[in-house]
């Protein structure tokens, strides 16, 4: 499903009712992958970010919450660094997205037909960029909630990971570039940090780790995420890493297809262009 936030509950209710009837007759419930934010905080739904969380859970799931675009980028950037997490000094992410990432609003065409238009039209930016949702962005909370499950012994959000996130909209159509700055609990070198990323994403077709800083050309229109440009402050106590993805692909449709493939028993990247 790809409905606006808050609009999916009646449809999910109808699907759940139909699934119960089907199961009572010996059938199997169908699979739903939802691209809205409605179920990403609901423990009865499986959170579908295959590179970081339990693929076997996705394979057995019938209700899957597809992660948000920025939330995907934030988690892919932050997860390998959790061994260096400094409690009380949380990571911050500055994210820049094409205007499609800011969402749409309902409107009408000149002839009165319903349509959607960008929430922040590119012409309104005057060729520049615009920060928005400066605190409490839903993807900030989403990323912190799910990253917390990767910490040993963390049982609540308060005890887990908190991420500071500032999104910015830009006048291109799609593609996200995020810059993560994170204090380190112990000193490290850039080589140490890059090794963490290479180990974490070894064998992952849709996450590429490179030496250089990712650019928009590396991610716009591409199926996967790119991470690179690792630098550590001269003190050895703070790391900066850059990552990116296309908000409409790995941040939405491509990830949805990964989740559907896993849940339906296909190879994870079936149908995803190389």
Protein backbone atom coordinates (compact mmCIF):
# COMPACT_ATOMS: atom_id res chain seq x y z
CA UNK A 1 0.00 0.00 0.00
CA UNK A 2 1.17 3.52 -0.78
CA UNK A 3 -1.47 5.72 0.85
CA UNK A 4 -0.96 9.01 2.72
CA UNK A 5 -0.03 8.72 6.39
CA UNK A 6 -3.13 8.00 8.47
CA UNK A 7 -5.25 6.76 5.57
CA UNK A 8 -4.45 3.05 5.59
CA UNK A 9 -6.23 1.73 8.69
CA UNK A 10 -9.63 0.97 7.04
CA UNK A 11 -7.93 -0.90 4.21
CA UNK A 12 -5.71 -2.86 6.58
CA UNK A 13 -8.79 -3.68 8.68
CA UNK A 14 -10.57 -5.06 5.62
CA UNK A 15 -7.50 -7.07 4.60
CA UNK A 16 -7.13 -8.47 8.13
CA UNK A 17 -10.80 -9.47 8.16
CA UNK A 18 -10.44 -11.18 4.80
CA UNK A 19 -7.28 -12.93 5.96
CA UNK A 20 -9.07 -14.38 8.99
CA UNK A 21 -11.84 -15.76 6.79
CA UNK A 22 -9.28 -17.20 4.41
CA UNK A 23 -7.33 -18.86 7.25
CA UNK A 24 -10.54 -20.34 8.69
CA UNK A 25 -11.05 -22.04 5.34
CA UNK A 26 -7.52 -23.42 5.38
CA UNK A 27 -5.99 -20.70 3.21
CA UNK A 28 -3.04 -18.45 3.87
CA UNK A 29 -3.12 -14.74 4.61
CA UNK A 30 -1.80 -12.51 1.86
CA UNK A 31 1.21 -10.25 2.27
CA UNK A 32 0.86 -6.49 2.78
CA UNK A 33 3.80 -4.10 2.55
CA UNK A 34 2.83 -0.59 3.62
CA UNK A 35 4.91 2.42 2.54
CA UNK A 36 3.31 4.93 4.91
CA UNK A 37 4.53 5.71 8.42
CA UNK A 38 1.40 4.22 9.99
CA UNK A 39 2.84 0.86 11.08
CA UNK A 40 6.54 1.54 11.58
CA UNK A 41 6.05 1.92 15.33
CA UNK A 42 3.68 -1.04 15.65
CA UNK A 43 5.29 -4.18 17.06
CA UNK A 44 2.66 -6.40 15.39
CA UNK A 45 4.12 -5.42 12.02
CA UNK A 46 7.57 -6.51 10.83
CA UNK A 47 9.94 -3.67 10.06
CA UNK A 48 11.44 -4.27 6.64
CA UNK A 49 15.02 -3.06 6.31
CA UNK A 50 16.66 -6.34 5.22
CA UNK A 51 20.30 -5.24 5.45
CA UNK A 52 20.02 -4.46 9.16
CA UNK A 53 17.20 -6.52 10.66
CA UNK A 54 16.12 -10.14 10.68
CA UNK A 55 15.55 -11.37 7.13
CA UNK A 56 13.96 -14.54 8.46
CA UNK A 57 11.31 -12.42 10.21
CA UNK A 58 10.51 -10.72 6.90
CA UNK A 59 10.31 -14.10 5.15
CA UNK A 60 7.64 -15.28 7.57
CA UNK A 61 5.74 -11.98 7.81
CA UNK A 62 2.40 -11.05 6.26
CA UNK A 63 2.35 -7.44 7.50
CA UNK A 64 5.52 -5.47 6.71
CA UNK A 65 6.19 -1.79 7.42
CA UNK A 66 8.44 -0.35 4.72
CA UNK A 67 10.94 2.11 6.28
CA UNK A 68 10.95 5.80 5.47
CA UNK A 69 13.49 7.16 3.00
CA UNK A 70 15.47 9.31 5.41
CA UNK A 71 15.07 6.70 8.15
CA UNK A 72 16.66 4.12 5.84
CA UNK A 73 19.63 6.37 5.10
CA UNK A 74 20.09 7.30 8.77
CA UNK A 75 20.04 3.69 9.93
CA UNK A 76 22.38 2.42 7.22
CA UNK A 77 24.84 5.18 8.19
CA UNK A 78 24.55 4.73 11.95
CA UNK A 79 24.21 0.97 12.52
CA UNK A 80 27.86 0.02 11.85
CA UNK A 81 28.99 2.66 14.38
CA UNK A 82 26.93 1.39 17.31
CA UNK A 83 29.98 -0.29 18.94
CA UNK A 84 31.38 3.26 19.31
CA UNK A 85 28.12 4.85 20.50
CA UNK A 86 28.78 7.44 23.22
CA UNK A 87 25.81 7.53 25.56
CA UNK A 88 24.41 11.01 26.01
CA UNK A 89 26.26 12.41 23.00
CA UNK A 90 23.98 11.33 20.20
CA UNK A 91 24.68 11.22 16.48
CA UNK A 92 23.37 14.03 14.31
CA UNK A 93 22.39 13.79 10.66
CA UNK A 94 22.03 16.64 8.18
CA UNK A 95 20.01 15.40 5.22
CA UNK A 96 19.35 17.02 1.86
CA UNK A 97 16.66 15.57 -0.40
CA UNK A 98 15.08 16.36 -3.73
CA UNK A 99 11.66 17.97 -3.45
CA UNK A 100 9.85 14.64 -3.95
CA UNK A 101 11.15 13.63 -0.52
CA UNK A 102 9.14 16.35 1.21
CA UNK A 103 5.89 14.68 0.14
CA UNK A 104 2.81 15.82 -1.71
CA UNK A 105 -0.52 17.51 -1.02
CA UNK A 106 -3.91 16.94 -2.61
CA UNK A 107 -5.00 19.48 -5.19
CA UNK A 108 -7.04 19.80 -8.36
CA UNK A 109 -6.08 20.08 -12.00
CA UNK A 110 -7.33 23.08 -14.04
CA UNK A 111 -10.27 20.96 -15.17
CA UNK A 112 -11.20 19.99 -11.62
CA UNK A 113 -9.67 16.51 -11.52
CA UNK A 114 -8.05 15.37 -8.25
CA UNK A 115 -4.25 15.30 -8.31
CA UNK A 116 -1.25 15.66 -6.04
CA UNK A 117 1.40 18.36 -6.14
CA UNK A 118 4.74 18.68 -4.30
CA UNK A 119 4.37 19.91 -0.73
CA UNK A 120 7.36 22.17 -1.41
CA UNK A 121 7.33 23.10 -5.13
CA UNK A 122 10.85 23.45 -6.60
CA UNK A 123 10.10 26.91 -7.96
CA UNK A 124 9.39 28.12 -4.41
CA UNK A 125 13.03 27.42 -3.49
CA UNK A 126 14.45 30.04 -5.82
CA UNK A 127 17.33 27.75 -6.75
CA UNK A 128 18.32 27.30 -3.09
CA UNK A 129 17.52 24.88 -0.27
CA UNK A 130 15.09 25.02 2.66
CA UNK A 131 15.33 23.30 6.05
CA UNK A 132 12.00 22.00 7.38
CA UNK A 133 10.66 19.90 10.30
CA UNK A 134 13.64 21.03 12.35
CA UNK A 135 12.80 18.85 15.37
CA UNK A 136 10.83 15.66 15.94
CA UNK A 137 10.71 14.60 12.30
CA UNK A 138 8.98 11.21 12.15
CA UNK A 139 12.06 9.64 10.52
CA UNK A 140 14.20 10.84 13.44
CA UNK A 141 12.01 8.92 15.86
CA UNK A 142 11.72 5.95 13.52
CA UNK A 143 15.49 5.61 13.11
CA UNK A 144 16.14 5.89 16.85
CA UNK A 145 13.46 3.35 17.73
CA UNK A 146 14.74 0.65 15.40
CA UNK A 147 18.46 1.29 15.89
CA UNK A 148 17.80 0.81 19.61
CA UNK A 149 16.84 -2.80 18.95
CA UNK A 150 20.41 -3.44 17.75
CA UNK A 151 21.87 -2.44 21.12
CA UNK A 152 22.39 -5.27 23.64
CA UNK A 153 20.16 -4.94 26.68
CA UNK A 154 18.20 -1.90 25.45
CA UNK A 155 14.52 -2.28 26.29
CA UNK A 156 13.08 1.22 25.85
CA UNK A 157 13.57 4.20 23.57
CA UNK A 158 14.90 6.25 26.51
CA UNK A 159 17.68 3.72 27.02
CA UNK A 160 18.41 3.32 23.35
CA UNK A 161 19.60 5.42 20.45
CA UNK A 162 18.51 9.00 19.94
CA UNK A 163 19.30 10.68 16.64
CA UNK A 164 19.30 14.41 15.94
CA UNK A 165 18.06 14.94 12.39
CA UNK A 166 17.59 18.08 10.28
CA UNK A 167 16.04 17.56 6.83
CA UNK A 168 16.53 20.03 4.00
CA UNK A 169 14.68 20.13 0.68
CA UNK A 170 16.51 21.00 -2.54
CA UNK A 171 15.31 21.86 -6.07
CA UNK A 172 16.21 18.55 -7.73
CA UNK A 173 13.55 15.83 -8.05
CA UNK A 174 14.88 12.80 -6.15
CA UNK A 175 17.98 11.67 -4.30
CA UNK A 176 19.11 12.05 -0.69
CA UNK A 177 22.56 12.93 0.65
CA UNK A 178 22.99 12.59 4.44
CA UNK A 179 25.99 13.65 6.50
CA UNK A 180 26.37 11.88 9.85
CA UNK A 181 28.46 13.40 12.65
CA UNK A 182 28.91 11.16 15.68
CA UNK A 183 31.01 11.46 18.87
CA UNK A 184 32.91 8.26 19.63
CA UNK A 185 33.01 6.44 22.95
CA UNK A 186 36.65 5.52 22.28
CA UNK A 187 39.26 6.78 19.85
CA UNK A 188 39.36 5.38 16.35
CA UNK A 189 40.96 6.04 12.97
CA UNK A 190 39.26 6.49 9.62
CA UNK A 191 40.59 3.06 8.63
CA UNK A 192 38.97 1.52 11.73
CA UNK A 193 35.63 3.11 10.86
CA UNK A 194 35.70 2.23 7.18
CA UNK A 195 36.45 -1.40 8.13
CA UNK A 196 33.25 -1.44 10.20
CA UNK A 197 31.20 -0.40 7.16
CA UNK A 198 32.92 -2.84 4.84
CA UNK A 199 32.33 -5.70 7.25
CA UNK A 200 28.73 -4.76 7.92
CA UNK A 201 27.74 -4.52 4.27
CA UNK A 202 29.97 -7.19 2.75
CA UNK A 203 27.87 -9.18 0.30
CA UNK A 204 24.98 -6.69 0.30
CA UNK A 205 24.11 -5.99 -3.31
CA UNK A 206 22.21 -2.78 -2.55
CA UNK A 207 24.68 -1.09 -0.20
CA UNK A 208 27.99 0.10 -1.67
CA UNK A 209 30.86 1.37 0.49
CA UNK A 210 33.35 3.60 -1.29
CA UNK A 211 36.34 5.77 -0.41
CA UNK A 212 35.03 9.08 -1.73
CA UNK A 213 32.15 11.26 -0.60
CA UNK A 214 28.93 10.15 -2.37
CA UNK A 215 27.42 12.67 -4.76
CA UNK A 216 23.89 13.09 -6.06
CA UNK A 217 24.94 11.41 -9.32
CA UNK A 218 25.87 8.29 -7.31
CA UNK A 219 22.34 7.85 -5.94
CA UNK A 220 19.68 9.60 -8.04
CA UNK A 221 17.88 6.99 -10.12
CA UNK A 222 19.96 4.19 -8.56
CA UNK A 223 18.51 1.16 -6.76
CA UNK A 224 20.86 1.03 -3.77
CA UNK A 225 22.56 3.12 -1.11
CA UNK A 226 26.11 4.48 -1.20
CA UNK A 227 28.27 5.23 1.86
CA UNK A 228 31.69 6.87 1.87
CA UNK A 229 33.88 9.84 2.69
CA UNK A 230 34.77 8.56 6.16
CA UNK A 231 36.76 11.12 8.12
CA UNK A 232 37.74 11.17 11.79
CA UNK A 233 38.49 14.38 13.68
CA UNK A 234 42.13 14.93 14.66
CA UNK A 235 41.18 14.13 18.27
CA UNK A 236 40.07 10.65 17.18
CA UNK A 237 36.83 11.23 19.06
CA UNK A 238 34.36 12.20 16.32
CA UNK A 239 33.57 10.64 12.96
CA UNK A 240 31.83 12.10 9.91
CA UNK A 241 30.39 9.78 7.24
CA UNK A 242 28.30 10.58 4.17
CA UNK A 243 25.62 8.35 2.68
CA UNK A 244 22.91 8.61 0.11
CA UNK A 245 20.10 6.86 -1.72
CA UNK A 246 17.21 7.64 -4.01
CA UNK A 247 14.22 8.39 -1.80
CA UNK A 248 11.84 6.87 -4.36
CA UNK A 249 13.88 3.67 -4.86
CA UNK A 250 15.96 2.26 -1.98
CA UNK A 251 13.99 4.70 0.17
CA UNK A 252 10.65 3.33 -1.05
CA UNK A 253 9.90 1.16 -4.11
CA UNK A 254 13.11 -0.90 -4.31
CA UNK A 255 12.98 -1.68 -0.61
CA UNK A 256 9.30 -2.60 -0.96
CA UNK A 257 10.23 -5.07 -3.68
CA UNK A 258 12.97 -6.55 -1.48
CA UNK A 259 10.42 -7.10 1.27
CA UNK A 260 7.79 -8.56 -1.05
CA UNK A 261 10.33 -10.93 -2.58
CA UNK A 262 11.44 -12.18 0.83
CA UNK A 263 7.89 -12.61 2.11
CA UNK A 264 6.72 -14.41 -1.03
CA UNK A 265 9.70 -16.76 -1.18
CA UNK A 266 11.55 -15.22 -4.10
CA UNK A 267 15.21 -14.21 -4.27
CA UNK A 268 15.49 -10.86 -2.48
CA UNK A 269 16.62 -8.82 -5.48
CA UNK A 270 14.40 -10.50 -8.07
CA UNK A 271 13.13 -7.88 -10.50
CA UNK A 272 15.48 -5.16 -9.20
CA UNK A 273 17.77 -3.89 -11.99
CA UNK A 274 21.47 -4.46 -11.42
